[in-house]
C-alpha atoms as a PDB file:
ATOM      1  CA  UNK A   1      45.017 120.208 109.444  1.00  0.00           C
ATOM      2  CA  UNK A   2      48.099 119.709 107.464  1.00  0.00           C
ATOM      3  CA  UNK A   3      49.308 122.673 105.635  1.00  0.00           C
ATOM      4  CA  UNK A   4      49.185 122.775 101.736  1.00  0.00           C
ATOM      5  CA  UNK A   5      52.129 121.609 100.056  1.00  0.00           C
ATOM      6  CA  UNK A   6      51.713 124.653  97.859  1.00  0.00           C
ATOM      7  CA  UNK A   7      51.967 126.852 100.786  1.00  0.00           C
ATOM      8  CA  UNK A   8      55.182 125.503 102.011  1.00  0.00           C
ATOM      9  CA  UNK A   9      56.911 125.290  98.725  1.00  0.00           C
ATOM     10  CA  UNK A  10      56.197 128.737  98.050  1.00  0.00           C
ATOM     11  CA  UNK A  11      59.198 129.451 100.238  1.00  0.00           C
ATOM     12  CA  UNK A  12      61.328 127.293  98.437  1.00  0.00           C
ATOM     13  CA  UNK A  13      64.628 128.510  97.161  1.00  0.00           C
ATOM     14  CA  UNK A  14      65.615 125.310  95.205  1.00  0.00           C
ATOM     15  CA  UNK A  15      64.816 121.621  94.513  1.00  0.00           C
ATOM     16  CA  UNK A  16      67.675 119.331  95.006  1.00  0.00           C
ATOM     17  CA  UNK A  17      67.846 115.958  93.030  1.00  0.00           C
ATOM     18  CA  UNK A  18      69.519 112.821  93.985  1.00  0.00           C
ATOM     19  CA  UNK A  19      70.458 110.561  91.028  1.00  0.00           C
ATOM     20  CA  UNK A  20      71.369 106.862  91.143  1.00  0.00           C
ATOM     21  CA  UNK A  21      70.284 106.308  94.765  1.00  0.00           C
ATOM     22  CA  UNK A  22      68.703 102.896  94.054  1.00  0.00           C
ATOM     23  CA  UNK A  23      70.898  99.824  92.769  1.00  0.00           C
ATOM     24  CA  UNK A  24      68.084  98.531  90.723  1.00  0.00           C
ATOM     25  CA  UNK A  25      67.596 102.071  88.813  1.00  0.00           C
ATOM     26  CA  UNK A  26      71.540 102.336  88.227  1.00  0.00           C
ATOM     27  CA  UNK A  27      71.350  98.850  86.593  1.00  0.00           C
ATOM     28  CA  UNK A  28      68.470  99.308  84.498  1.00  0.00           C
ATOM     29  CA  UNK A  29      69.983 102.384  82.885  1.00  0.00           C
ATOM     30  CA  UNK A  30      73.625 100.986  82.628  1.00  0.00           C
ATOM     31  CA  UNK A  31      75.078 103.449  84.967  1.00  0.00           C
ATOM     32  CA  UNK A  32      77.666 103.045  87.550  1.00  0.00           C
ATOM     33  CA  UNK A  33      77.006 103.046  91.342  1.00  0.00           C
ATOM     34  CA  UNK A  34      78.138 106.474  92.733  1.00  0.00           C
ATOM     35  CA  UNK A  35      80.654 106.682  95.653  1.00  0.00           C
ATOM     36  CA  UNK A  36      79.074 109.769  96.788  1.00  0.00           C
ATOM     37  CA  UNK A  37      75.653 111.169  96.260  1.00  0.00           C
ATOM     38  CA  UNK A  38      74.976 112.339  92.804  1.00  0.00           C
ATOM     39  CA  UNK A  39      73.527 115.836  93.012  1.00  0.00           C
ATOM     40  CA  UNK A  40      71.630 117.990  90.510  1.00  0.00           C
ATOM     41  CA  UNK A  41      69.114 120.986  90.668  1.00  0.00           C
ATOM     42  CA  UNK A  42      65.739 121.697  89.324  1.00  0.00           C
ATOM     43  CA  UNK A  43      64.367 125.201  89.631  1.00  0.00           C
ATOM     44  CA  UNK A  44      61.193 125.853  91.577  1.00  0.00           C
ATOM     45  CA  UNK A  45      59.313 126.713  88.206  1.00  0.00           C
ATOM     46  CA  UNK A  46      59.353 122.965  87.752  1.00  0.00           C
ATOM     47  CA  UNK A  47      56.726 122.396  90.759  1.00  0.00           C
ATOM     48  CA  UNK A  48      53.302 121.256  89.861  1.00  0.00           C
ATOM     49  CA  UNK A  49      50.681 120.757  92.747  1.00  0.00           C
ATOM     50  CA  UNK A  50      48.516 117.665  92.803  1.00  0.00           C
ATOM     51  CA  UNK A  51      45.947 117.375  90.131  1.00  0.00           C
ATOM     52  CA  UNK A  52      48.115 119.526  87.784  1.00  0.00           C
ATOM     53  CA  UNK A  53      48.933 118.775  84.089  1.00  0.00           C
ATOM     54  CA  UNK A  54      52.323 117.928  83.086  1.00  0.00           C
ATOM     55  CA  UNK A  55      53.321 119.509  79.962  1.00  0.00           C
ATOM     56  CA  UNK A  56      54.957 117.463  77.372  1.00  0.00           C
ATOM     57  CA  UNK A  57      57.996 119.752  76.029  1.00  0.00           C
ATOM     58  CA  UNK A  58      58.639 120.231  72.498  1.00  0.00           C
ATOM     59  CA  UNK A  59      62.233 119.595  72.850  1.00  0.00           C
ATOM     60  CA  UNK A  60      61.884 115.842  73.810  1.00  0.00           C
ATOM     61  CA  UNK A  61      60.398 112.888  72.474  1.00  0.00           C
ATOM     62  CA  UNK A  62      61.141 110.487  74.970  1.00  0.00           C
ATOM     63  CA  UNK A  63      59.845 111.824  78.536  1.00  0.00           C
ATOM     64  CA  UNK A  64      60.155 109.695  81.469  1.00  0.00           C
ATOM     65  CA  UNK A  65      58.377 109.436  85.004  1.00  0.00           C
ATOM     66  CA  UNK A  66      60.602 108.734  88.251  1.00  0.00           C
ATOM     67  CA  UNK A  67      58.527 108.453  91.547  1.00  0.00           C
ATOM     68  CA  UNK A  68      60.515 109.578  94.588  1.00  0.00           C
ATOM     69  CA  UNK A  69      60.087 110.420  98.132  1.00  0.00           C
ATOM     70  CA  UNK A  70      60.549 114.177  98.768  1.00  0.00           C
ATOM     71  CA  UNK A  71      61.986 115.823 101.861  1.00  0.00           C
ATOM     72  CA  UNK A  72      60.541 119.026 102.619  1.00  0.00           C
ATOM     73  CA  UNK A  73      62.793 121.297 104.890  1.00  0.00           C
ATOM     74  CA  UNK A  74      61.295 123.219 107.800  1.00  0.00           C
ATOM     75  CA  UNK A  75      64.555 124.963 109.041  1.00  0.00           C
ATOM     76  CA  UNK A  76      67.738 126.278 107.820  1.00  0.00           C
ATOM     77  CA  UNK A  77      70.178 123.496 107.409  1.00  0.00           C
ATOM     78  CA  UNK A  78      74.095 124.128 106.975  1.00  0.00           C
ATOM     79  CA  UNK A  79      77.085 122.023 107.679  1.00  0.00           C
ATOM     80  CA  UNK A  80      74.995 119.733 110.057  1.00  0.00           C
ATOM     81  CA  UNK A  81      75.346 116.131 111.099  1.00  0.00           C
ATOM     82  CA  UNK A  82      73.062 113.431 110.253  1.00  0.00           C
ATOM     83  CA  UNK A  83      71.234 113.696 113.680  1.00  0.00           C
ATOM     84  CA  UNK A  84      71.142 117.481 113.522  1.00  0.00           C
ATOM     85  CA  UNK A  85      69.780 117.863 109.945  1.00  0.00           C
ATOM     86  CA  UNK A  86      66.973 115.440 110.342  1.00  0.00           C
ATOM     87  CA  UNK A  87      65.678 117.839 113.082  1.00  0.00           C
ATOM     88  CA  UNK A  88      65.250 120.576 110.246  1.00  0.00           C
ATOM     89  CA  UNK A  89      62.861 118.382 108.283  1.00  0.00           C
ATOM     90  CA  UNK A  90      59.373 119.574 108.359  1.00  0.00           C
ATOM     91  CA  UNK A  91      57.982 116.602 106.380  1.00  0.00           C
ATOM     92  CA  UNK A  92      57.760 114.650 103.022  1.00  0.00           C
ATOM     93  CA  UNK A  93      55.739 114.346  99.863  1.00  0.00           C
ATOM     94  CA  UNK A  94      55.368 112.005  97.047  1.00  0.00           C
ATOM     95  CA  UNK A  95      57.140 113.477  94.002  1.00  0.00           C
ATOM     96  CA  UNK A  96      57.736 112.726  90.266  1.00  0.00           C
ATOM     97  CA  UNK A  97      61.070 113.565  88.749  1.00  0.00           C
ATOM     98  CA  UNK A  98      60.155 113.804  85.273  1.00  0.00           C
ATOM     99  CA  UNK A  99      63.112 113.529  82.880  1.00  0.00           C
ATOM    100  CA  UNK A 100      63.541 114.204  79.106  1.00  0.00           C
ATOM    101  CA  UNK A 101      65.513 111.037  78.506  1.00  0.00           C
ATOM    102  CA  UNK A 102      66.686 111.643  75.046  1.00  0.00           C
ATOM    103  CA  UNK A 103      67.821 115.124  75.917  1.00  0.00           C
ATOM    104  CA  UNK A 104      69.927 113.675  78.913  1.00  0.00           C
ATOM    105  CA  UNK A 105      71.407 111.040  76.840  1.00  0.00           C
ATOM    106  CA  UNK A 106      72.356 113.619  74.286  1.00  0.00           C
ATOM    107  CA  UNK A 107      73.921 115.741  76.813  1.00  0.00           C
ATOM    108  CA  UNK A 108      75.951 112.782  78.368  1.00  0.00           C
ATOM    109  CA  UNK A 109      77.352 112.039  75.000  1.00  0.00           C
ATOM    110  CA  UNK A 110      78.403 115.400  74.438  1.00  0.00           C
ATOM    111  CA  UNK A 111      79.713 115.580  77.942  1.00  0.00           C
ATOM    112  CA  UNK A 112      77.809 118.694  78.912  1.00  0.00           C
ATOM    113  CA  UNK A 113      75.277 119.427  81.634  1.00  0.00           C
ATOM    114  CA  UNK A 114      71.972 117.756  81.360  1.00  0.00           C
ATOM    115  CA  UNK A 115      70.127 120.586  83.172  1.00  0.00           C
ATOM    116  CA  UNK A 116      67.672 120.941  80.252  1.00  0.00           C
ATOM    117  CA  UNK A 117      66.501 117.278  80.817  1.00  0.00           C
ATOM    118  CA  UNK A 118      65.311 117.935  84.245  1.00  0.00           C
ATOM    119  CA  UNK A 119      64.600 121.772  84.621  1.00  0.00           C
ATOM    120  CA  UNK A 120      61.460 122.168  82.158  1.00  0.00           C
ATOM    121  CA  UNK A 121      58.077 123.618  83.524  1.00  0.00           C
ATOM    122  CA  UNK A 122      55.847 120.979  85.279  1.00  0.00           C
ATOM    123  CA  UNK A 123      58.693 118.575  85.558  1.00  0.00           C
ATOM    124  CA  UNK A 124      58.401 118.394  89.429  1.00  0.00           C
ATOM    125  CA  UNK A 125      54.886 117.113  90.106  1.00  0.00           C
ATOM    126  CA  UNK A 126      54.165 117.077  93.920  1.00  0.00           C
ATOM    127  CA  UNK A 127      51.741 115.549  96.171  1.00  0.00           C
ATOM    128  CA  UNK A 128      50.098 116.596  99.674  1.00  0.00           C
ATOM    129  CA  UNK A 129      52.456 117.327 102.611  1.00  0.00           C
ATOM    130  CA  UNK A 130      53.076 114.614 105.063  1.00  0.00           C
ATOM    131  CA  UNK A 131      54.349 115.571 108.489  1.00  0.00           C
ATOM    132  CA  UNK A 132      57.586 114.461 109.443  1.00  0.00           C
ATOM    133  CA  UNK A 133      56.206 112.062 112.074  1.00  0.00           C
ATOM    134  CA  UNK A 134      53.717 110.467 110.008  1.00  0.00           C
ATOM    135  CA  UNK A 135      56.149 107.893 108.181  1.00  0.00           C
ATOM    136  CA  UNK A 136      59.331 106.315 108.695  1.00  0.00           C
ATOM    137  CA  UNK A 137      61.567 107.533 105.766  1.00  0.00           C
ATOM    138  CA  UNK A 138      63.826 104.671 106.074  1.00  0.00           C
ATOM    139  CA  UNK A 139      61.280 102.220 104.982  1.00  0.00           C
ATOM    140  CA  UNK A 140      58.612 103.850 103.015  1.00  0.00           C
ATOM    141  CA  UNK A 141      56.884 102.293 100.062  1.00  0.00           C
ATOM    142  CA  UNK A 142      56.453 104.354  96.917  1.00  0.00           C
ATOM    143  CA  UNK A 143      54.531 103.441  93.785  1.00  0.00           C
ATOM    144  CA  UNK A 144      53.796 104.953  90.452  1.00  0.00           C
ATOM    145  CA  UNK A 145      50.946 104.047  87.990  1.00  0.00           C
ATOM    146  CA  UNK A 146      50.529 105.010  84.634  1.00  0.00           C
ATOM    147  CA  UNK A 147      46.860 104.708  83.393  1.00  0.00           C
ATOM    148  CA  UNK A 148      46.223 102.748  86.714  1.00  0.00           C
ATOM    149  CA  UNK A 149      48.979 100.282  85.900  1.00  0.00           C
ATOM    150  CA  UNK A 150      51.693  99.982  88.346  1.00  0.00           C
ATOM    151  CA  UNK A 151      55.048 100.924  86.842  1.00  0.00           C
ATOM    152  CA  UNK A 152      57.372 101.487  89.665  1.00  0.00           C
ATOM    153  CA  UNK A 153      57.184 100.052  93.210  1.00  0.00           C
ATOM    154  CA  UNK A 154      60.090 100.564  95.485  1.00  0.00           C
ATOM    155  CA  UNK A 155      60.851 101.015  99.140  1.00  0.00           C
ATOM    156  CA  UNK A 156      63.302 103.572 100.621  1.00  0.00           C
ATOM    157  CA  UNK A 157      64.898 100.838 102.680  1.00  0.00           C
ATOM    158  CA  UNK A 158      66.735 100.131  99.522  1.00  0.00           C
ATOM    159  CA  UNK A 159      68.432 103.452  98.972  1.00  0.00           C
ATOM    160  CA  UNK A 160      72.146 103.590  98.428  1.00  0.00           C
ATOM    161  CA  UNK A 161      72.404 106.680 100.375  1.00  0.00           C
ATOM    162  CA  UNK A 162      69.641 106.756 103.255  1.00  0.00           C
ATOM    163  CA  UNK A 163      68.147 110.137 103.870  1.00  0.00           C
ATOM    164  CA  UNK A 164      70.015 111.241 106.794  1.00  0.00           C
ATOM    165  CA  UNK A 165      73.281 110.757 104.846  1.00  0.00           C
ATOM    166  CA  UNK A 166      71.871 112.504 101.986  1.00  0.00           C
ATOM    167  CA  UNK A 167      70.975 115.620 103.878  1.00  0.00           C
ATOM    168  CA  UNK A 168      74.143 115.818 105.735  1.00  0.00           C
ATOM    169  CA  UNK A 169      76.026 115.469 102.520  1.00  0.00           C
ATOM    170  CA  UNK A 170      74.027 118.320 100.962  1.00  0.00           C
ATOM    171  CA  UNK A 171      74.088 120.678 103.982  1.00  0.00           C
ATOM    172  CA  UNK A 172      77.849 120.332 104.099  1.00  0.00           C
ATOM    173  CA  UNK A 173      77.986 122.069 100.475  1.00  0.00           C
ATOM    174  CA  UNK A 174      74.664 123.681  99.728  1.00  0.00           C
ATOM    175  CA  UNK A 175      72.694 125.597 102.690  1.00  0.00           C
ATOM    176  CA  UNK A 176      69.223 124.201 102.689  1.00  0.00           C
ATOM    177  CA  UNK A 177      66.220 126.700 103.701  1.00  0.00           C
ATOM    178  CA  UNK A 178      62.695 126.332 104.762  1.00  0.00           C
ATOM    179  CA  UNK A 179      60.365 125.114 101.812  1.00  0.00           C
ATOM    180  CA  UNK A 180      63.445 123.583  99.961  1.00  0.00           C
ATOM    181  CA  UNK A 181      62.579 120.126  98.458  1.00  0.00           C
ATOM    182  CA  UNK A 182      65.004 117.395  98.238  1.00  0.00           C
ATOM    183  CA  UNK A 183      64.135 114.522  95.813  1.00  0.00           C
ATOM    184  CA  UNK A 184      65.818 111.437  97.141  1.00  0.00           C
ATOM    185  CA  UNK A 185      66.236 109.114  94.173  1.00  0.00           C
ATOM    186  CA  UNK A 186      63.843 106.623  92.191  1.00  0.00           C
ATOM    187  CA  UNK A 187      63.761 102.989  92.258  1.00  0.00           C
ATOM    188  CA  UNK A 188      63.574 100.883  89.076  1.00  0.00           C
ATOM    189  CA  UNK A 189      60.836 100.857  86.676  1.00  0.00           C
ATOM    190  CA  UNK A 190      61.355 104.371  84.939  1.00  0.00           C
ATOM    191  CA  UNK A 191      59.359 104.650  81.490  1.00  0.00           C
ATOM    192  CA  UNK A 192      58.125 106.769  78.986  1.00  0.00           C
ATOM    193  CA  UNK A 193      54.924 108.836  78.980  1.00  0.00           C
ATOM    194  CA  UNK A 194      52.598 110.413  76.385  1.00  0.00           C
ATOM    195  CA  UNK A 195      50.047 113.100  76.207  1.00  0.00           C
ATOM    196  CA  UNK A 196      46.736 111.704  77.556  1.00  0.00           C
ATOM    197  CA  UNK A 197      48.493 109.664  80.188  1.00  0.00           C
ATOM    198  CA  UNK A 198      47.134 109.937  83.684  1.00  0.00           C
ATOM    199  CA  UNK A 199      49.948 109.583  86.401  1.00  0.00           C
ATOM    200  CA  UNK A 200      49.507 108.454  89.964  1.00  0.00           C
ATOM    201  CA  UNK A 201      52.185 108.561  92.577  1.00  0.00           C
ATOM    202  CA  UNK A 202      51.434 107.295  96.193  1.00  0.00           C
ATOM    203  CA  UNK A 203      52.696 106.133  99.542  1.00  0.00           C
ATOM    204  CA  UNK A 204      50.166 103.262  99.818  1.00  0.00           C
ATOM    205  CA  UNK A 205      47.763 104.033 102.828  1.00  0.00           C
ATOM    206  CA  UNK A 206      49.381 107.474 103.374  1.00  0.00           C
ATOM    207  CA  UNK A 207      49.066 109.592 100.239  1.00  0.00           C
ATOM    208  CA  UNK A 208      48.308 109.709  96.696  1.00  0.00           C
ATOM    209  CA  UNK A 209      48.637 112.179  93.958  1.00  0.00           C
ATOM    210  CA  UNK A 210      47.388 112.379  90.293  1.00  0.00           C
ATOM    211  CA  UNK A 211      48.470 114.305  87.184  1.00  0.00           C
ATOM    212  CA  UNK A 212      47.534 114.244  83.558  1.00  0.00           C
ATOM    213  CA  UNK A 213      50.014 114.556  80.579  1.00  0.00           C
ATOM    214  CA  UNK A 214      49.055 117.126  77.910  1.00  0.00           C
END
């Protein structure tokens, strides 16, 4: 039996996010393609287990979903090569990087960090743990539905920076520890949610996780 994701991520010291890692998403938001991975952080207080409730924050009127493949670390990784760092991966999970888009855009205009757009409680819903040998992370389909309607459908083969490249880059600058979660970027199709919405994030045929917005 696979371990529960909640037991694994109890060890987590951090959530490392990656922005603008699909060209289609970069284009839809009118951003520029990064030359190196765009890294941000989320606290572990964002984590929300499968079946949980995403709390709509009072500071935002435009919260967006962003489905992503999450990487769960199984060993400490510091300054490792692409090959070495992949040996430190315990597995994967389907995740949603919730984003207060209006807060983020205001922060960008004011040229200040947009931490508050990403770091709010319940802003990192996570699905069941997937052992590392169960999927090919270089070609995995990820899907997000809102009220049973497909809103996002992408494949990790379209990442600008593939997972080994991301982990190598991160480990050279930030030590990763067992349980740490890396969000690897979202494809196009991001959009708003409202209280009452039902969110479903999946890797078809492998895993699915469901959440309710309150």
